[in-house]
């Protein structure tokens, strides 16, 4: 059983650009375009650009809401 006092960050995964692109089934180039346009948030650690799993889920949910409204 998981401890409910466990910090939320331990439940998150950080994905590389290729890993996040694979999750979304898009090219790395298209993922970088989404980042450049500010549609997907990233973290930079040293020289690595990473996407938090919850930011990726938020991006997907926002896109679903947009698509389903039309």
PDB file of N, CA and C in Angstrom:
ATOM      1  N   UNK A   1       0.835  -1.167   0.000  1.00  0.00           N
ATOM      2  CA  UNK A   1       0.000   0.000   0.000  1.00  0.00           C
ATOM      3  C   UNK A   1       0.889   1.242   0.000  1.00  0.00           C
ATOM      4  N   UNK A   2       0.560   2.228  -0.880  1.00  0.00           N
ATOM      5  CA  UNK A   2       1.348   3.442  -0.974  1.00  0.00           C
ATOM      6  C   UNK A   2       1.029   4.386   0.165  1.00  0.00           C
ATOM      7  N   UNK A   3       2.048   5.046   0.633  1.00  0.00           N
ATOM      8  CA  UNK A   3       1.890   6.050   1.681  1.00  0.00           C
ATOM      9  C   UNK A   3       1.314   7.320   1.063  1.00  0.00           C
ATOM     10  N   UNK A   4       0.193   7.814   1.584  1.00  0.00           N
ATOM     11  CA  UNK A   4      -0.457   8.986   1.014  1.00  0.00           C
ATOM     12  C   UNK A   4       0.332  10.267   1.277  1.00  0.00           C
ATOM     13  N   UNK A   5       1.329  10.201   2.142  1.00  0.00           N
ATOM     14  CA  UNK A   5       2.153  11.384   2.410  1.00  0.00           C
ATOM     15  C   UNK A   5       3.336  11.475   1.452  1.00  0.00           C
ATOM     16  N   UNK A   6       3.455  10.519   0.562  1.00  0.00           N
ATOM     17  CA  UNK A   6       4.539  10.500  -0.411  1.00  0.00           C
ATOM     18  C   UNK A   6       4.433  11.736  -1.307  1.00  0.00           C
ATOM     19  N   UNK A   7       5.543  12.455  -1.526  1.00  0.00           N
ATOM     20  CA  UNK A   7       5.478  13.651  -2.368  1.00  0.00           C
ATOM     21  C   UNK A   7       4.989  13.338  -3.772  1.00  0.00           C
ATOM     22  N   UNK A   8       4.225  14.253  -4.324  1.00  0.00           N
ATOM     23  CA  UNK A   8       3.656  14.066  -5.653  1.00  0.00           C
ATOM     24  C   UNK A   8       4.735  13.891  -6.711  1.00  0.00           C
ATOM     25  N   UNK A   9       5.881  14.545  -6.545  1.00  0.00           N
ATOM     26  CA  UNK A   9       6.934  14.461  -7.549  1.00  0.00           C
ATOM     27  C   UNK A   9       7.442  13.037  -7.736  1.00  0.00           C
ATOM     28  N   UNK A  10       7.302  12.199  -6.720  1.00  0.00           N
ATOM     29  CA  UNK A  10       7.757  10.822  -6.867  1.00  0.00           C
ATOM     30  C   UNK A  10       6.817  10.021  -7.768  1.00  0.00           C
ATOM     31  N   UNK A  11       5.619  10.515  -7.994  1.00  0.00           N
ATOM     32  CA  UNK A  11       4.671   9.839  -8.870  1.00  0.00           C
ATOM     33  C   UNK A  11       4.852  10.278 -10.315  1.00  0.00           C
ATOM     34  N   UNK A  12       5.591  11.356 -10.535  1.00  0.00           N
ATOM     35  CA  UNK A  12       5.814  11.879 -11.878  1.00  0.00           C
ATOM     36  C   UNK A  12       6.980  11.184 -12.553  1.00  0.00           C
ATOM     37  N   UNK A  13       6.895  11.145 -13.877  1.00  0.00           N
ATOM     38  CA  UNK A  13       8.012  10.671 -14.673  1.00  0.00           C
ATOM     39  C   UNK A  13       8.448  11.816 -15.555  1.00  0.00           C
ATOM     40  N   UNK A  14       9.726  11.932 -15.776  1.00  0.00           N
ATOM     41  CA  UNK A  14      10.241  12.899 -16.731  1.00  0.00           C
ATOM     42  C   UNK A  14      10.595  12.160 -18.007  1.00  0.00           C
ATOM     43  N   UNK A  15      10.082  12.664 -19.112  1.00  0.00           N
ATOM     44  CA  UNK A  15      10.289  12.030 -20.410  1.00  0.00           C
ATOM     45  C   UNK A  15      11.206  12.887 -21.274  1.00  0.00           C
ATOM     46  N   UNK A  16      12.043  12.234 -22.042  1.00  0.00           N
ATOM     47  CA  UNK A  16      12.847  12.949 -23.026  1.00  0.00           C
ATOM     48  C   UNK A  16      11.936  13.322 -24.194  1.00  0.00           C
ATOM     49  N   UNK A  17      12.424  14.176 -25.061  1.00  0.00           N
ATOM     50  CA  UNK A  17      11.634  14.558 -26.235  1.00  0.00           C
ATOM     51  C   UNK A  17      11.277  13.327 -27.083  1.00  0.00           C
ATOM     52  N   UNK A  18      12.225  12.443 -27.387  1.00  0.00           N
ATOM     53  CA  UNK A  18      11.847  11.260 -28.168  1.00  0.00           C
ATOM     54  C   UNK A  18      10.808  10.371 -27.455  1.00  0.00           C
ATOM     55  N   UNK A  19      10.920  10.243 -26.135  1.00  0.00           N
ATOM     56  CA  UNK A  19       9.951   9.427 -25.392  1.00  0.00           C
ATOM     57  C   UNK A  19       8.563  10.060 -25.428  1.00  0.00           C
ATOM     58  N   UNK A  20       8.500  11.379 -25.237  1.00  0.00           N
ATOM     59  CA  UNK A  20       7.207  12.069 -25.269  1.00  0.00           C
ATOM     60  C   UNK A  20       6.619  12.021 -26.677  1.00  0.00           C
ATOM     61  N   UNK A  21       7.454  12.191 -27.685  1.00  0.00           N
ATOM     62  CA  UNK A  21       6.978  12.112 -29.074  1.00  0.00           C
ATOM     63  C   UNK A  21       6.408  10.726 -29.359  1.00  0.00           C
ATOM     64  N   UNK A  22       7.075   9.714 -28.857  1.00  0.00           N
ATOM     65  CA  UNK A  22       6.598   8.340 -29.050  1.00  0.00           C
ATOM     66  C   UNK A  22       5.248   8.142 -28.362  1.00  0.00           C
ATOM     67  N   UNK A  23       5.091   8.699 -27.142  1.00  0.00           N
ATOM     68  CA  UNK A  23       3.815   8.599 -26.425  1.00  0.00           C
ATOM     69  C   UNK A  23       2.684   9.245 -27.232  1.00  0.00           C
ATOM     70  N   UNK A  24       2.988  10.397 -27.863  1.00  0.00           N
ATOM     71  CA  UNK A  24       1.978  11.113 -28.644  1.00  0.00           C
ATOM     72  C   UNK A  24       1.855  10.589 -30.071  1.00  0.00           C
ATOM     73  N   UNK A  25       2.784   9.721 -30.456  1.00  0.00           N
ATOM     74  CA  UNK A  25       2.835   9.159 -31.801  1.00  0.00           C
ATOM     75  C   UNK A  25       3.013  10.252 -32.860  1.00  0.00           C
ATOM     76  N   UNK A  26       3.952  11.175 -32.560  1.00  0.00           N
ATOM     77  CA  UNK A  26       4.305  12.243 -33.484  1.00  0.00           C
ATOM     78  C   UNK A  26       5.819  12.280 -33.614  1.00  0.00           C
ATOM     79  N   UNK A  27       6.304  13.067 -34.570  1.00  0.00           N
ATOM     80  CA  UNK A  27       7.755  13.170 -34.764  1.00  0.00           C
ATOM     81  C   UNK A  27       8.371  14.077 -33.704  1.00  0.00           C
ATOM     82  N   UNK A  28       9.677  13.917 -33.507  1.00  0.00           N
ATOM     83  CA  UNK A  28      10.406  14.798 -32.595  1.00  0.00           C
ATOM     84  C   UNK A  28      10.277  16.241 -33.062  1.00  0.00           C
ATOM     85  N   UNK A  29      10.364  16.460 -34.372  1.00  0.00           N
ATOM     86  CA  UNK A  29      10.263  17.798 -34.929  1.00  0.00           C
ATOM     87  C   UNK A  29       8.941  18.452 -34.550  1.00  0.00           C
ATOM     88  N   UNK A  30       7.825  17.714 -34.681  1.00  0.00           N
ATOM     89  CA  UNK A  30       6.514  18.261 -34.339  1.00  0.00           C
ATOM     90  C   UNK A  30       6.419  18.551 -32.847  1.00  0.00           C
ATOM     91  N   UNK A  31       6.999  17.705 -32.022  1.00  0.00           N
ATOM     92  CA  UNK A  31       6.994  17.947 -30.581  1.00  0.00           C
ATOM     93  C   UNK A  31       7.760  19.228 -30.263  1.00  0.00           C
ATOM     94  N   UNK A  32       8.911  19.436 -30.896  1.00  0.00           N
ATOM     95  CA  UNK A  32       9.660  20.675 -30.684  1.00  0.00           C
ATOM     96  C   UNK A  32       8.844  21.895 -31.133  1.00  0.00           C
ATOM     97  N   UNK A  33       8.045  21.763 -32.176  1.00  0.00           N
ATOM     98  CA  UNK A  33       7.173  22.858 -32.615  1.00  0.00           C
ATOM     99  C   UNK A  33       6.125  23.178 -31.550  1.00  0.00           C
ATOM    100  N   UNK A  34       5.536  22.154 -30.948  1.00  0.00           N
ATOM    101  CA  UNK A  34       4.551  22.370 -29.887  1.00  0.00           C
ATOM    102  C   UNK A  34       5.199  23.077 -28.697  1.00  0.00           C
ATOM    103  N   UNK A  35       6.422  22.698 -28.388  1.00  0.00           N
ATOM    104  CA  UNK A  35       7.164  23.333 -27.296  1.00  0.00           C
ATOM    105  C   UNK A  35       7.456  24.789 -27.648  1.00  0.00           C
ATOM    106  N   UNK A  36       7.941  25.016 -28.854  1.00  0.00           N
ATOM    107  CA  UNK A  36       8.293  26.368 -29.301  1.00  0.00           C
ATOM    108  C   UNK A  36       7.082  27.293 -29.268  1.00  0.00           C
ATOM    109  N   UNK A  37       5.907  26.775 -29.622  1.00  0.00           N
ATOM    110  CA  UNK A  37       4.677  27.573 -29.637  1.00  0.00           C
ATOM    111  C   UNK A  37       4.067  27.737 -28.250  1.00  0.00           C
ATOM    112  N   UNK A  38       4.674  27.092 -27.243  1.00  0.00           N
ATOM    113  CA  UNK A  38       4.178  27.221 -25.879  1.00  0.00           C
ATOM    114  C   UNK A  38       2.976  26.347 -25.574  1.00  0.00           C
ATOM    115  N   UNK A  39       2.700  25.371 -26.424  1.00  0.00           N
ATOM    116  CA  UNK A  39       1.564  24.487 -26.226  1.00  0.00           C
ATOM    117  C   UNK A  39       1.875  23.332 -25.281  1.00  0.00           C
ATOM    118  N   UNK A  40       3.156  23.060 -25.087  1.00  0.00           N
ATOM    119  CA  UNK A  40       3.582  21.978 -24.206  1.00  0.00           C
ATOM    120  C   UNK A  40       4.714  22.485 -23.328  1.00  0.00           C
ATOM    121  N   UNK A  41       4.549  22.336 -22.032  1.00  0.00           N
ATOM    122  CA  UNK A  41       5.554  22.813 -21.078  1.00  0.00           C
ATOM    123  C   UNK A  41       6.701  21.815 -20.967  1.00  0.00           C
ATOM    124  N   UNK A  42       7.890  22.350 -20.704  1.00  0.00           N
ATOM    125  CA  UNK A  42       9.065  21.498 -20.518  1.00  0.00           C
ATOM    126  C   UNK A  42       9.886  21.987 -19.335  1.00  0.00           C
ATOM    127  N   UNK A  43      10.774  21.126 -18.892  1.00  0.00           N
ATOM    128  CA  UNK A  43      11.759  21.452 -17.867  1.00  0.00           C
ATOM    129  C   UNK A  43      13.134  21.319 -18.505  1.00  0.00           C
ATOM    130  N   UNK A  44      14.045  22.168 -18.098  1.00  0.00           N
ATOM    131  CA  UNK A  44      15.412  22.039 -18.573  1.00  0.00           C
ATOM    132  C   UNK A  44      16.303  21.751 -17.376  1.00  0.00           C
ATOM    133  N   UNK A  45      17.001  20.648 -17.452  1.00  0.00           N
ATOM    134  CA  UNK A  45      17.956  20.260 -16.424  1.00  0.00           C
ATOM    135  C   UNK A  45      19.294  20.094 -17.136  1.00  0.00           C
ATOM    136  N   UNK A  46      20.219  20.966 -16.764  1.00  0.00           N
ATOM    137  CA  UNK A  46      21.506  21.065 -17.467  1.00  0.00           C
ATOM    138  C   UNK A  46      21.192  21.372 -18.928  1.00  0.00           C
ATOM    139  N   UNK A  47      21.558  20.490 -19.829  1.00  0.00           N
ATOM    140  CA  UNK A  47      21.258  20.722 -21.246  1.00  0.00           C
ATOM    141  C   UNK A  47      20.105  19.867 -21.747  1.00  0.00           C
ATOM    142  N   UNK A  48      19.475  19.131 -20.848  1.00  0.00           N
ATOM    143  CA  UNK A  48      18.394  18.207 -21.237  1.00  0.00           C
ATOM    144  C   UNK A  48      17.043  18.886 -21.166  1.00  0.00           C
ATOM    145  N   UNK A  49      16.243  18.753 -22.197  1.00  0.00           N
ATOM    146  CA  UNK A  49      14.871  19.240 -22.198  1.00  0.00           C
ATOM    147  C   UNK A  49      13.981  18.038 -21.903  1.00  0.00           C
ATOM    148  N   UNK A  50      13.181  18.158 -20.839  1.00  0.00           N
ATOM    149  CA  UNK A  50      12.351  17.046 -20.381  1.00  0.00           C
ATOM    150  C   UNK A  50      10.905  17.493 -20.246  1.00  0.00           C
ATOM    151  N   UNK A  51      10.002  16.533 -20.412  1.00  0.00           N
ATOM    152  CA  UNK A  51       8.572  16.784 -20.290  1.00  0.00           C
ATOM    153  C   UNK A  51       8.058  15.949 -19.125  1.00  0.00           C
ATOM    154  N   UNK A  52       7.431  16.617 -18.157  1.00  0.00           N
ATOM    155  CA  UNK A  52       6.849  15.899 -17.021  1.00  0.00           C
ATOM    156  C   UNK A  52       5.606  15.161 -17.494  1.00  0.00           C
ATOM    157  N   UNK A  53       5.410  13.958 -16.968  1.00  0.00           N
ATOM    158  CA  UNK A  53       4.280  13.136 -17.396  1.00  0.00           C
ATOM    159  C   UNK A  53       2.944  13.821 -17.149  1.00  0.00           C
ATOM    160  N   UNK A  54       2.831  14.608 -16.067  1.00  0.00           N
ATOM    161  CA  UNK A  54       1.556  15.295 -15.828  1.00  0.00           C
ATOM    162  C   UNK A  54       1.338  16.430 -16.827  1.00  0.00           C
ATOM    163  N   UNK A  55       2.406  17.084 -17.290  1.00  0.00           N
ATOM    164  CA  UNK A  55       2.258  18.105 -18.326  1.00  0.00           C
ATOM    165  C   UNK A  55       1.832  17.477 -19.650  1.00  0.00           C
ATOM    166  N   UNK A  56       2.343  16.297 -19.942  1.00  0.00           N
ATOM    167  CA  UNK A  56       1.942  15.588 -21.142  1.00  0.00           C
ATOM    168  C   UNK A  56       0.467  15.197 -21.052  1.00  0.00           C
ATOM    169  N   UNK A  57       0.042  14.714 -19.886  1.00  0.00           N
ATOM    170  CA  UNK A  57      -1.374  14.357 -19.685  1.00  0.00           C
ATOM    171  C   UNK A  57      -2.257  15.595 -19.795  1.00  0.00           C
ATOM    172  N   UNK A  58      -1.819  16.726 -19.227  1.00  0.00           N
ATOM    173  CA  UNK A  58      -2.588  17.971 -19.337  1.00  0.00           C
ATOM    174  C   UNK A  58      -2.727  18.405 -20.783  1.00  0.00           C
ATOM    175  N   UNK A  59      -1.657  18.287 -21.550  1.00  0.00           N
ATOM    176  CA  UNK A  59      -1.683  18.645 -22.962  1.00  0.00           C
ATOM    177  C   UNK A  59      -2.720  17.792 -23.700  1.00  0.00           C
ATOM    178  N   UNK A  60      -2.707  16.499 -23.439  1.00  0.00           N
ATOM    179  CA  UNK A  60      -3.656  15.597 -24.089  1.00  0.00           C
ATOM    180  C   UNK A  60      -5.083  15.954 -23.698  1.00  0.00           C
ATOM    181  N   UNK A  61      -5.326  16.187 -22.418  1.00  0.00           N
ATOM    182  CA  UNK A  61      -6.675  16.519 -21.954  1.00  0.00           C
ATOM    183  C   UNK A  61      -7.172  17.839 -22.540  1.00  0.00           C
ATOM    184  N   UNK A  62      -6.301  18.837 -22.639  1.00  0.00           N
ATOM    185  CA  UNK A  62      -6.682  20.115 -23.242  1.00  0.00           C
ATOM    186  C   UNK A  62      -7.041  19.932 -24.707  1.00  0.00           C
ATOM    187  N   UNK A  63      -6.255  19.135 -25.406  1.00  0.00           N
ATOM    188  CA  UNK A  63      -6.542  18.871 -26.823  1.00  0.00           C
ATOM    189  C   UNK A  63      -7.862  18.130 -26.983  1.00  0.00           C
ATOM    190  N   UNK A  64      -8.135  17.177 -26.092  1.00  0.00           N
ATOM    191  CA  UNK A  64      -9.405  16.452 -26.144  1.00  0.00           C
ATOM    192  C   UNK A  64     -10.574  17.407 -25.964  1.00  0.00           C
ATOM    193  N   UNK A  65     -10.463  18.299 -24.987  1.00  0.00           N
ATOM    194  CA  UNK A  65     -11.542  19.260 -24.728  1.00  0.00           C
ATOM    195  C   UNK A  65     -11.780  20.145 -25.934  1.00  0.00           C
ATOM    196  N   UNK A  66     -10.694  20.613 -26.565  1.00  0.00           N
ATOM    197  CA  UNK A  66     -10.808  21.452 -27.752  1.00  0.00           C
ATOM    198  C   UNK A  66     -11.480  20.692 -28.891  1.00  0.00           C
ATOM    199  N   UNK A  67     -11.065  19.465 -29.104  1.00  0.00           N
ATOM    200  CA  UNK A  67     -11.601  18.663 -30.212  1.00  0.00           C
ATOM    201  C   UNK A  67     -13.069  18.309 -29.991  1.00  0.00           C
ATOM    202  N   UNK A  68     -13.432  18.001 -28.752  1.00  0.00           N
ATOM    203  CA  UNK A  68     -14.776  17.563 -28.459  1.00  0.00           C
ATOM    204  C   UNK A  68     -15.770  18.713 -28.452  1.00  0.00           C
ATOM    205  N   UNK A  69     -15.284  19.966 -28.280  1.00  0.00           N
ATOM    206  CA  UNK A  69     -16.175  21.124 -28.285  1.00  0.00           C
ATOM    207  C   UNK A  69     -16.681  21.426 -29.667  1.00  0.00           C
ATOM    208  N   UNK A  70     -15.894  21.088 -30.698  1.00  0.00           N
ATOM    209  CA  UNK A  70     -16.284  21.408 -32.070  1.00  0.00           C
ATOM    210  C   UNK A  70     -17.072  20.320 -32.714  1.00  0.00           C
TER     211      UNK A  70
END
